[in-house]
């Protein structure tokens, strides 16, 4: 149940020794590469894929902020306003369930996960300071969820957007500040400028009131 990396040797007789041997300890594990065909099947609704943001060198190409409790709409909108105030290109996505949201921030290069997470924390602090009536109670976590790769693991996974089945219900899509889905999802994504690594530290200082 849930998400797990696809192994081409999983359950093969005399090759796979689950559950006696954990996947992370297996020396015949053969992870399936991500291909255009797999991405197409995700978009077509045949399966669901997710991504582990954290790379082996403890860096990442994006930061995602998860909101999933009662006040998720107001909190996600407030967070998005902070991104605009701070000059951060960000994309707001309604989650697969329709009862939460993700805010995505993409980088122009892979950046240390620690710095990406510092950025997320700074934006949260800025949002709370700007909207004192909100406590951001719906904020759940940051992706990546760790500063460094856990031993024998991949870190936390986040499901990728635009899977067909939830998309048909208006979920798992990108929306504007009023939570209205963009008519052309691909045009919207293409319009997003990634955040430069060199801009992260100045933004953190600005967000925390140190400039």
Foldseek 3Di string as FASTA:
>chain_A
DDDDFDFPCPPPPPQDDPPVPDLLRHPRTHTDDDDPVVVVCQLVQVDWDWDQQQDQVQWGFKKKWKFADDCQLVLVLLLVVLCVVLVFFWWWFFALVNRIIMIMAGEPDIDQPVLNVLLVVLSLLLSCVVCVVDPSPRTDAMPQRDRHADRSDRGDIDIQANGHPSVVVVHSATADSVRHGDPDRVVVVVPTDHHYPVCSVVSSCVSNVND
